[in-house]
Every structure is written in structure tokens, then in C-alpha cells.
Amino acid sequence: MRITEKMLQARVDWLNELTNQPATPWTKNAEGKMKANIGNYHISGAYGGVCLHRMCTEGGGVQDVFSCGHIPKRELFERICAFMSGI
């Protein structure tokens, strides 16, 4: 079975729910400025691969959760499933 972006996003949505983290990486505050939602897990795409990031700072700094950079979708999907099983 081919792993799609939709499948990855569904898994990350579930991870955010499971860990009681914000559903989106950014929200607009009352002044209309974007605010980083610290703790949010989200997918980053670059170099033909994907990566699981977690928002860490108010300025939008992120952590590569698995410290592996951008990898194929299937590999990331399997790592997220294992991570969730550990939780």
C-alpha cells in the first residue's frame, strides 16, 4: 500500500489529539498576527521527503522529532506509528 500525504496528516492529527497538543502549528491572535502553537506536531516536506516537526518556540522554531531529516513517507509513517505505540 502506498502511503499518501493524507494518511500521514491523519496520523499526525491523531498524535496531536493523543498528546493533547494544538491541532495546527499556527493561529492568528486578536491583533491578526500569527502565533506559533508550541507543542504542535506537523509534517514538513523538503528534498523529496517528509519529516515530523514539533513546534518549540514562540518564534516558530521546530525540533526534528526523530532527528533523521527528511525521509520517504513510508519510513516516516512507520516511525510515527511506533512513536504512538510507545506513548
PDB file of N, CA and C in Angstrom:
ATOM      1  N   MET A   1       0.830  -1.175   0.000  1.00  0.00           N
ATOM      2  CA  MET A   1       0.000   0.000   0.000  1.00  0.00           C
ATOM      3  C   MET A   1       0.884   1.252   0.000  1.00  0.00           C
ATOM      4  N   ARG A   2       0.499   2.210  -0.790  1.00  0.00           N
ATOM      5  CA  ARG A   2       1.226   3.465  -0.915  1.00  0.00           C
ATOM      6  C   ARG A   2       0.806   4.415   0.210  1.00  0.00           C
ATOM      7  N   ILE A   3       1.768   5.020   0.872  1.00  0.00           N
ATOM      8  CA  ILE A   3       1.493   5.988   1.935  1.00  0.00           C
ATOM      9  C   ILE A   3       1.325   7.369   1.298  1.00  0.00           C
ATOM     10  N   THR A   4       0.193   8.002   1.556  1.00  0.00           N
ATOM     11  CA  THR A   4      -0.107   9.312   0.977  1.00  0.00           C
ATOM     12  C   THR A   4       0.054  10.412   2.024  1.00  0.00           C
ATOM     13  N   GLU A   5       0.084  11.651   1.554  1.00  0.00           N
ATOM     14  CA  GLU A   5       0.164  12.792   2.471  1.00  0.00           C
ATOM     15  C   GLU A   5      -1.068  12.833   3.369  1.00  0.00           C
ATOM     16  N   LYS A   6      -2.209  12.457   2.815  1.00  0.00           N
ATOM     17  CA  LYS A   6      -3.445  12.436   3.596  1.00  0.00           C
ATOM     18  C   LYS A   6      -3.343  11.430   4.756  1.00  0.00           C
ATOM     19  N   MET A   7      -2.751  10.276   4.495  1.00  0.00           N
ATOM     20  CA  MET A   7      -2.571   9.264   5.537  1.00  0.00           C
ATOM     21  C   MET A   7      -1.622   9.765   6.625  1.00  0.00           C
ATOM     22  N   LEU A   8      -0.531  10.409   6.208  1.00  0.00           N
ATOM     23  CA  LEU A   8       0.412  10.973   7.177  1.00  0.00           C
ATOM     24  C   LEU A   8      -0.257  12.050   8.027  1.00  0.00           C
ATOM     25  N   GLN A   9      -1.028  12.918   7.374  1.00  0.00           N
ATOM     26  CA  GLN A   9      -1.688  14.004   8.101  1.00  0.00           C
ATOM     27  C   GLN A   9      -2.694  13.457   9.105  1.00  0.00           C
ATOM     28  N   ALA A  10      -3.423  12.412   8.727  1.00  0.00           N
ATOM     29  CA  ALA A  10      -4.384  11.797   9.650  1.00  0.00           C
ATOM     30  C   ALA A  10      -3.669  11.238  10.881  1.00  0.00           C
ATOM     31  N   ARG A  11      -2.516  10.634  10.667  1.00  0.00           N
ATOM     32  CA  ARG A  11      -1.747  10.067  11.781  1.00  0.00           C
ATOM     33  C   ARG A  11      -1.229  11.185  12.687  1.00  0.00           C
ATOM     34  N   VAL A  12      -0.757  12.287  12.107  1.00  0.00           N
ATOM     35  CA  VAL A  12      -0.250  13.412  12.899  1.00  0.00           C
ATOM     36  C   VAL A  12      -1.397  14.089  13.655  1.00  0.00           C
ATOM     37  N   ASP A  13      -2.557  14.192  13.025  1.00  0.00           N
ATOM     38  CA  ASP A  13      -3.725  14.746  13.717  1.00  0.00           C
ATOM     39  C   ASP A  13      -4.043  13.900  14.954  1.00  0.00           C
ATOM     40  N   TRP A  14      -3.987  12.594  14.791  1.00  0.00           N
ATOM     41  CA  TRP A  14      -4.249  11.675  15.900  1.00  0.00           C
ATOM     42  C   TRP A  14      -3.178  11.834  16.988  1.00  0.00           C
ATOM     43  N   LEU A  15      -1.911  11.986  16.577  1.00  0.00           N
ATOM     44  CA  LEU A  15      -0.819  12.182  17.535  1.00  0.00           C
ATOM     45  C   LEU A  15      -1.048  13.450  18.356  1.00  0.00           C
ATOM     46  N   ASN A  16      -1.441  14.545  17.702  1.00  0.00           N
ATOM     47  CA  ASN A  16      -1.720  15.788  18.425  1.00  0.00           C
ATOM     48  C   ASN A  16      -2.864  15.597  19.414  1.00  0.00           C
ATOM     49  N   GLU A  17      -3.884  14.858  19.001  1.00  0.00           N
ATOM     50  CA  GLU A  17      -5.014  14.592  19.890  1.00  0.00           C
ATOM     51  C   GLU A  17      -4.580  13.711  21.067  1.00  0.00           C
ATOM     52  N   LEU A  18      -3.819  12.684  20.772  1.00  0.00           N
ATOM     53  CA  LEU A  18      -3.348  11.748  21.790  1.00  0.00           C
ATOM     54  C   LEU A  18      -2.499  12.433  22.853  1.00  0.00           C
ATOM     55  N   THR A  19      -1.682  13.389  22.433  1.00  0.00           N
ATOM     56  CA  THR A  19      -0.775  14.082  23.353  1.00  0.00           C
ATOM     57  C   THR A  19      -1.332  15.410  23.852  1.00  0.00           C
ATOM     58  N   ASN A  20      -2.599  15.685  23.501  1.00  0.00           N
ATOM     59  CA  ASN A  20      -3.275  16.905  23.931  1.00  0.00           C
ATOM     60  C   ASN A  20      -2.519  18.166  23.509  1.00  0.00           C
ATOM     61  N   GLN A  21      -2.073  18.184  22.247  1.00  0.00           N
ATOM     62  CA  GLN A  21      -1.349  19.327  21.693  1.00  0.00           C
ATOM     63  C   GLN A  21      -2.253  20.085  20.718  1.00  0.00           C
ATOM     64  N   PRO A  22      -1.919  21.332  20.396  1.00  0.00           N
ATOM     65  CA  PRO A  22      -2.734  22.096  19.448  1.00  0.00           C
ATOM     66  C   PRO A  22      -2.816  21.384  18.093  1.00  0.00           C
ATOM     67  N   ALA A  23      -3.963  21.523  17.430  1.00  0.00           N
ATOM     68  CA  ALA A  23      -4.200  20.836  16.159  1.00  0.00           C
ATOM     69  C   ALA A  23      -3.448  21.461  14.984  1.00  0.00           C
ATOM     70  N   THR A  24      -3.112  22.746  15.070  1.00  0.00           N
ATOM     71  CA  THR A  24      -2.430  23.431  13.975  1.00  0.00           C
ATOM     72  C   THR A  24      -1.145  24.085  14.473  1.00  0.00           C
ATOM     73  N   PRO A  25      -0.157  24.235  13.582  1.00  0.00           N
ATOM     74  CA  PRO A  25       1.104  24.850  14.003  1.00  0.00           C
ATOM     75  C   PRO A  25       0.987  26.349  14.299  1.00  0.00           C
ATOM     76  N   TRP A  26       0.075  27.025  13.617  1.00  0.00           N
ATOM     77  CA  TRP A  26      -0.051  28.482  13.755  1.00  0.00           C
ATOM     78  C   TRP A  26      -1.517  28.867  13.907  1.00  0.00           C
ATOM     79  N   THR A  27      -1.776  29.951  14.678  1.00  0.00           N
ATOM     80  CA  THR A  27      -3.104  30.564  14.750  1.00  0.00           C
ATOM     81  C   THR A  27      -2.931  32.071  14.740  1.00  0.00           C
ATOM     82  N   LYS A  28      -3.997  32.772  14.318  1.00  0.00           N
ATOM     83  CA  LYS A  28      -3.980  34.235  14.361  1.00  0.00           C
ATOM     84  C   LYS A  28      -4.449  34.693  15.727  1.00  0.00           C
ATOM     85  N   ASN A  29      -3.719  35.649  16.304  1.00  0.00           N
ATOM     86  CA  ASN A  29      -4.142  36.193  17.592  1.00  0.00           C
ATOM     87  C   ASN A  29      -5.136  37.332  17.359  1.00  0.00           C
ATOM     88  N   ALA A  30      -5.552  37.992  18.420  1.00  0.00           N
ATOM     89  CA  ALA A  30      -6.564  39.043  18.334  1.00  0.00           C
ATOM     90  C   ALA A  30      -6.142  40.204  17.438  1.00  0.00           C
ATOM     91  N   GLU A  31      -4.855  40.464  17.350  1.00  0.00           N
ATOM     92  CA  GLU A  31      -4.363  41.565  16.500  1.00  0.00           C
ATOM     93  C   GLU A  31      -4.182  41.139  15.047  1.00  0.00           C
ATOM     94  N   GLY A  32      -4.440  39.884  14.745  1.00  0.00           N
ATOM     95  CA  GLY A  32      -4.293  39.389  13.386  1.00  0.00           C
ATOM     96  C   GLY A  32      -2.896  38.874  13.069  1.00  0.00           C
ATOM     97  N   LYS A  33      -2.029  38.824  14.067  1.00  0.00           N
ATOM     98  CA  LYS A  33      -0.672  38.310  13.860  1.00  0.00           C
ATOM     99  C   LYS A  33      -0.659  36.807  14.088  1.00  0.00           C
ATOM    100  N   MET A  34       0.233  36.127  13.380  1.00  0.00           N
ATOM    101  CA  MET A  34       0.350  34.680  13.527  1.00  0.00           C
ATOM    102  C   MET A  34       1.119  34.341  14.805  1.00  0.00           C
ATOM    103  N   LYS A  35       0.607  33.342  15.524  1.00  0.00           N
ATOM    104  CA  LYS A  35       1.221  32.891  16.772  1.00  0.00           C
ATOM    105  C   LYS A  35       1.528  31.406  16.653  1.00  0.00           C
ATOM    106  N   ALA A  36       2.750  31.028  17.009  1.00  0.00           N
ATOM    107  CA  ALA A  36       3.143  29.615  16.968  1.00  0.00           C
ATOM    108  C   ALA A  36       2.457  28.865  18.101  1.00  0.00           C
ATOM    109  N   ASN A  37       1.944  27.677  17.803  1.00  0.00           N
ATOM    110  CA  ASN A  37       1.324  26.824  18.814  1.00  0.00           C
ATOM    111  C   ASN A  37       2.358  25.823  19.304  1.00  0.00           C
ATOM    112  N   ILE A  38       3.031  26.187  20.401  1.00  0.00           N
ATOM    113  CA  ILE A  38       4.101  25.350  20.941  1.00  0.00           C
ATOM    114  C   ILE A  38       3.553  23.981  21.323  1.00  0.00           C
ATOM    115  N   GLY A  39       4.274  22.938  20.911  1.00  0.00           N
ATOM    116  CA  GLY A  39       3.890  21.560  21.192  1.00  0.00           C
ATOM    117  C   GLY A  39       3.251  20.855  20.012  1.00  0.00           C
ATOM    118  N   ASN A  40       2.770  21.620  19.025  1.00  0.00           N
ATOM    119  CA  ASN A  40       2.111  21.019  17.867  1.00  0.00           C
ATOM    120  C   ASN A  40       3.068  20.177  17.041  1.00  0.00           C
ATOM    121  N   TYR A  41       2.615  18.983  16.661  1.00  0.00           N
ATOM    122  CA  TYR A  41       3.342  18.118  15.723  1.00  0.00           C
ATOM    123  C   TYR A  41       2.804  18.401  14.330  1.00  0.00           C
ATOM    124  N   HIS A  42       3.694  18.494  13.348  1.00  0.00           N
ATOM    125  CA  HIS A  42       3.260  18.709  11.971  1.00  0.00           C
ATOM    126  C   HIS A  42       4.303  18.153  10.999  1.00  0.00           C
ATOM    127  N   ILE A  43       3.869  17.965   9.765  1.00  0.00           N
ATOM    128  CA  ILE A  43       4.735  17.396   8.725  1.00  0.00           C
ATOM    129  C   ILE A  43       5.434  18.517   7.965  1.00  0.00           C
ATOM    130  N   SER A  44       6.703  18.319   7.720  1.00  0.00           N
ATOM    131  CA  SER A  44       7.498  19.210   6.881  1.00  0.00           C
ATOM    132  C   SER A  44       7.901  18.418   5.645  1.00  0.00           C
ATOM    133  N   GLY A  45       7.862  19.062   4.507  1.00  0.00           N
ATOM    134  CA  GLY A  45       8.284  18.398   3.281  1.00  0.00           C
ATOM    135  C   GLY A  45       9.416  19.161   2.611  1.00  0.00           C
ATOM    136  N   ALA A  46      10.474  18.449   2.225  1.00  0.00           N
ATOM    137  CA  ALA A  46      11.605  19.060   1.518  1.00  0.00           C
ATOM    138  C   ALA A  46      12.492  17.960   0.955  1.00  0.00           C
ATOM    139  N   TYR A  47      13.204  18.281  -0.081  1.00  0.00           N
ATOM    140  CA  TYR A  47      14.188  17.363  -0.671  1.00  0.00           C
ATOM    141  C   TYR A  47      13.563  16.037  -1.126  1.00  0.00           C
ATOM    142  N   GLY A  48      12.267  16.055  -1.451  1.00  0.00           N
ATOM    143  CA  GLY A  48      11.590  14.839  -1.892  1.00  0.00           C
ATOM    144  C   GLY A  48      11.184  13.924  -0.757  1.00  0.00           C
ATOM    145  N   GLY A  49      11.319  14.378   0.485  1.00  0.00           N
ATOM    146  CA  GLY A  49      10.954  13.557   1.633  1.00  0.00           C
ATOM    147  C   GLY A  49      10.089  14.334   2.607  1.00  0.00           C
ATOM    148  N   VAL A  50       9.788  13.707   3.725  1.00  0.00           N
ATOM    149  CA  VAL A  50       8.973  14.323   4.768  1.00  0.00           C
ATOM    150  C   VAL A  50       9.628  14.132   6.128  1.00  0.00           C
ATOM    151  N   CYS A  51       9.228  14.971   7.076  1.00  0.00           N
ATOM    152  CA  CYS A  51       9.827  14.951   8.408  1.00  0.00           C
ATOM    153  C   CYS A  51       8.749  15.332   9.420  1.00  0.00           C
ATOM    154  N   LEU A  52       8.804  14.761  10.613  1.00  0.00           N
ATOM    155  CA  LEU A  52       7.890  15.150  11.677  1.00  0.00           C
ATOM    156  C   LEU A  52       8.568  16.219  12.519  1.00  0.00           C
ATOM    157  N   HIS A  53       7.943  17.402  12.551  1.00  0.00           N
ATOM    158  CA  HIS A  53       8.448  18.513  13.346  1.00  0.00           C
ATOM    159  C   HIS A  53       7.531  18.759  14.526  1.00  0.00           C
ATOM    160  N   ARG A  54       8.105  19.319  15.593  1.00  0.00           N
ATOM    161  CA  ARG A  54       7.323  19.752  16.744  1.00  0.00           C
ATOM    162  C   ARG A  54       7.674  21.202  17.018  1.00  0.00           C
ATOM    163  N   MET A  55       6.645  22.048  17.111  1.00  0.00           N
ATOM    164  CA  MET A  55       6.841  23.470  17.369  1.00  0.00           C
ATOM    165  C   MET A  55       7.410  23.652  18.776  1.00  0.00           C
ATOM    166  N   CYS A  56       8.514  24.403  18.872  1.00  0.00           N
ATOM    167  CA  CYS A  56       9.221  24.538  20.156  1.00  0.00           C
ATOM    168  C   CYS A  56       9.285  25.956  20.701  1.00  0.00           C
ATOM    169  N   THR A  57       9.230  26.952  19.841  1.00  0.00           N
ATOM    170  CA  THR A  57       9.388  28.329  20.316  1.00  0.00           C
ATOM    171  C   THR A  57       8.266  29.219  19.804  1.00  0.00           C
ATOM    172  N   GLU A  58       8.074  30.333  20.481  1.00  0.00           N
ATOM    173  CA  GLU A  58       7.058  31.304  20.068  1.00  0.00           C
ATOM    174  C   GLU A  58       7.364  31.901  18.700  1.00  0.00           C
ATOM    175  N   GLY A  59       8.617  31.875  18.305  1.00  0.00           N
ATOM    176  CA  GLY A  59       9.017  32.407  17.013  1.00  0.00           C
ATOM    177  C   GLY A  59       8.886  31.415  15.875  1.00  0.00           C
ATOM    178  N   GLY A  60       8.475  30.198  16.164  1.00  0.00           N
ATOM    179  CA  GLY A  60       8.279  29.202  15.112  1.00  0.00           C
ATOM    180  C   GLY A  60       9.414  28.204  14.983  1.00  0.00           C
ATOM    181  N   GLY A  61      10.303  28.165  15.941  1.00  0.00           N
ATOM    182  CA  GLY A  61      11.388  27.175  15.922  1.00  0.00           C
ATOM    183  C   GLY A  61      10.833  25.773  16.099  1.00  0.00           C
ATOM    184  N   VAL A  62      11.419  24.823  15.384  1.00  0.00           N
ATOM    185  CA  VAL A  62      10.929  23.455  15.435  1.00  0.00           C
ATOM    186  C   VAL A  62      12.040  22.478  15.800  1.00  0.00           C
ATOM    187  N   GLN A  63      11.605  21.299  16.226  1.00  0.00           N
ATOM    188  CA  GLN A  63      12.514  20.193  16.527  1.00  0.00           C
ATOM    189  C   GLN A  63      12.184  19.069  15.555  1.00  0.00           C
ATOM    190  N   ASP A  64      13.212  18.439  14.998  1.00  0.00           N
ATOM    191  CA  ASP A  64      13.044  17.227  14.202  1.00  0.00           C
ATOM    192  C   ASP A  64      12.868  16.099  15.211  1.00  0.00           C
ATOM    193  N   VAL A  65      11.647  15.613  15.365  1.00  0.00           N
ATOM    194  CA  VAL A  65      11.306  14.663  16.428  1.00  0.00           C
ATOM    195  C   VAL A  65      12.196  13.425  16.403  1.00  0.00           C
ATOM    196  N   PHE A  66      12.468  12.881  15.223  1.00  0.00           N
ATOM    197  CA  PHE A  66      13.248  11.655  15.129  1.00  0.00           C
ATOM    198  C   PHE A  66      14.710  11.892  14.772  1.00  0.00           C
ATOM    199  N   SER A  67      15.112  13.133  14.635  1.00  0.00           N
ATOM    200  CA  SER A  67      16.498  13.509  14.299  1.00  0.00           C
ATOM    201  C   SER A  67      17.028  12.757  13.088  1.00  0.00           C
ATOM    202  N   CYS A  68      16.190  12.632  12.068  1.00  0.00           N
ATOM    203  CA  CYS A  68      16.605  11.880  10.873  1.00  0.00           C
ATOM    204  C   CYS A  68      16.475  12.682   9.588  1.00  0.00           C
ATOM    205  N   GLY A  69      16.041  13.923   9.679  1.00  0.00           N
ATOM    206  CA  GLY A  69      15.860  14.728   8.487  1.00  0.00           C
ATOM    207  C   GLY A  69      14.653  14.272   7.676  1.00  0.00           C
ATOM    208  N   HIS A  70      14.638  14.636   6.419  1.00  0.00           N
ATOM    209  CA  HIS A  70      13.523  14.305   5.536  1.00  0.00           C
ATOM    210  C   HIS A  70      13.741  12.915   4.930  1.00  0.00           C
ATOM    211  N   ILE A  71      12.754  12.060   5.120  1.00  0.00           N
ATOM    212  CA  ILE A  71      12.846  10.651   4.723  1.00  0.00           C
ATOM    213  C   ILE A  71      11.619  10.283   3.893  1.00  0.00           C
ATOM    214  N   PRO A  72      11.589   9.098   3.265  1.00  0.00           N
ATOM    215  CA  PRO A  72      10.410   8.687   2.500  1.00  0.00           C
ATOM    216  C   PRO A  72       9.152   8.592   3.385  1.00  0.00           C
ATOM    217  N   LYS A  73       7.995   8.811   2.775  1.00  0.00           N
ATOM    218  CA  LYS A  73       6.726   8.812   3.507  1.00  0.00           C
ATOM    219  C   LYS A  73       6.497   7.515   4.286  1.00  0.00           C
ATOM    220  N   ARG A  74       6.759   6.384   3.678  1.00  0.00           N
ATOM    221  CA  ARG A  74       6.525   5.104   4.359  1.00  0.00           C
ATOM    222  C   ARG A  74       7.358   5.002   5.637  1.00  0.00           C
ATOM    223  N   GLU A  75       8.623   5.389   5.544  1.00  0.00           N
ATOM    224  CA  GLU A  75       9.507   5.309   6.704  1.00  0.00           C
ATOM    225  C   GLU A  75       9.017   6.225   7.819  1.00  0.00           C
ATOM    226  N   LEU A  76       8.582   7.437   7.481  1.00  0.00           N
ATOM    227  CA  LEU A  76       8.073   8.352   8.498  1.00  0.00           C
ATOM    228  C   LEU A  76       6.776   7.819   9.108  1.00  0.00           C
ATOM    229  N   PHE A  77       5.901   7.289   8.280  1.00  0.00           N
ATOM    230  CA  PHE A  77       4.639   6.724   8.764  1.00  0.00           C
ATOM    231  C   PHE A  77       4.905   5.631   9.786  1.00  0.00           C
ATOM    232  N   GLU A  78       5.845   4.747   9.483  1.00  0.00           N
ATOM    233  CA  GLU A  78       6.181   3.650  10.397  1.00  0.00           C
ATOM    234  C   GLU A  78       6.782   4.176  11.702  1.00  0.00           C
ATOM    235  N   ARG A  79       7.607   5.210  11.627  1.00  0.00           N
ATOM    236  CA  ARG A  79       8.198   5.785  12.842  1.00  0.00           C
ATOM    237  C   ARG A  79       7.119   6.442  13.716  1.00  0.00           C
ATOM    238  N   ILE A  80       6.187   7.146  13.070  1.00  0.00           N
ATOM    239  CA  ILE A  80       5.115   7.778  13.835  1.00  0.00           C
ATOM    240  C   ILE A  80       4.258   6.715  14.517  1.00  0.00           C
ATOM    241  N   CYS A  81       3.947   5.639  13.816  1.00  0.00           N
ATOM    242  CA  CYS A  81       3.149   4.551  14.412  1.00  0.00           C
ATOM    243  C   CYS A  81       3.869   3.957  15.620  1.00  0.00           C
ATOM    244  N   ALA A  82       5.169   3.731  15.501  1.00  0.00           N
ATOM    245  CA  ALA A  82       5.944   3.190  16.613  1.00  0.00           C
ATOM    246  C   ALA A  82       5.985   4.176  17.776  1.00  0.00           C
ATOM    247  N   PHE A  83       6.154   5.451  17.472  1.00  0.00           N
ATOM    248  CA  PHE A  83       6.186   6.505  18.480  1.00  0.00           C
ATOM    249  C   PHE A  83       4.866   6.531  19.256  1.00  0.00           C
ATOM    250  N   MET A  84       3.757   6.449  18.535  1.00  0.00           N
ATOM    251  CA  MET A  84       2.446   6.461  19.160  1.00  0.00           C
ATOM    252  C   MET A  84       2.210   5.199  20.002  1.00  0.00           C
ATOM    253  N   SER A  85       2.716   4.086  19.546  1.00  0.00           N
ATOM    254  CA  SER A  85       2.595   2.846  20.325  1.00  0.00           C
ATOM    255  C   SER A  85       3.338   2.976  21.647  1.00  0.00           C
ATOM    256  N   GLY A  86       4.473   3.662  21.635  1.00  0.00           N
ATOM    257  CA  GLY A  86       5.249   3.880  22.846  1.00  0.00           C
ATOM    258  C   GLY A  86       4.565   4.807  23.829  1.00  0.00           C
ATOM    259  N   ILE A  87       3.772   5.690  23.320  1.00  0.00           N
ATOM    260  CA  ILE A  87       3.036   6.627  24.194  1.00  0.00           C
ATOM    261  C   ILE A  87       1.932   5.868  24.897  1.00  0.00           C
TER     262      ILE A  87
END
